Amino acid sequence: MSPTLFISDLHLHQTRPATTAAFFRFLESEAKAAAALYILGDLFEYWVGDDQLDHDELSQQVCAAIRTLADSGVPVFFMHGNRDFLIGSRFASAASLTILPDPTVILIGDRSILLMHGDTLCTDDDAYQQFRTMVRDPHWQASILAKPYAERVALAMSIREQSDAAKIGKRGDIMDVSVSAVETVFRQHGYIDMLHGHTHRPATHVHQVDGRRCTRTVLSDWDAMATFHSIENL
C-alpha cells in the first residue's frame, strides 16, 4: 500500500527559490504516490492572512500546486505552525486541504500517532510561550487582520527579525523541547508514538515514560531539498 508522508518547516519565501522548487518537485513525485500528505506547520515563512493570496504570487503558486495534488486523489492535511498560524478557511478551501487542530491523533493501520507542530513542547522558553499565547488569542488575531496588508507584512518581517536576534542570545537547549513536557504529553495520549517538527533537529528519540517505551520522531526543516518522513500503511 502507499505510504503516508509527513513534512514540516519548509518556510517557503521568495528569498528561498531552491526550497520552493524542491517542494514543487516533491508534490509531482513522491507525494503523488502517497496515501496522504500531512504538513505539520511552517509551510510558509510567514502568513499575514488569507488575502495574502491576492497579493503574493508564490502563495498563489503553492496553493495551486497543493490543490493539484489533492485533486489527483491524495488527501492533504495541514497543522498551523508558529509562522503560518493565520492560515484560514479561504486558503484551506482554495488548496483543497483540511486544517487539523494541534495536537491531533491519527490512525495508520492499527497504529495511533500523535501529530503536533512541536512548539508547545518548548516550555523552557518562557519568552516564546508568552508570545505564542498572545498571537494565538482570537482577539489579537482579529486586530491584526483588520490592519492593511502592507502593514501586516511589515509586522511579520519585524517579528521574524526579532525572533532571529533573540535566538542568538538563547541557549540551544532552551529552544529544544522540554523532556518533562514531552513526558506529560505521552501520558495524556496513552503513550502512543509522537511526530512533530518546529525544532529543526531531525531525529528519532526513545523515551522511557512510566516504564513504557515511547517513540518521538522529529521532522526535518527544508533547505533546497525535500526531506520527509514516511510511514507505510501495513
Foldseek 3Di string as FASTA:
>chain_A
DFWEKEAEAQQDDPVAVLSLVQVLVCLVPNLLRHQAYEYAENPHVADQAPCVCVPPPSLVVVLVSLLVSVVSPHAYEYEYDPHYNRDDDVSCVSSVHHYDYAWDWDQQANAIETEHQAQVQLVLQPVVVVVVVQCPDPVNSVVSSVDDPVVSVVVSVVVVVVVVVVVVPDDLSSLHGDPVSVLVVCVVVVQGEYEHERSQPFDWDWDQHPNDTHIYGYFHHDRSHDGMDIDDRD
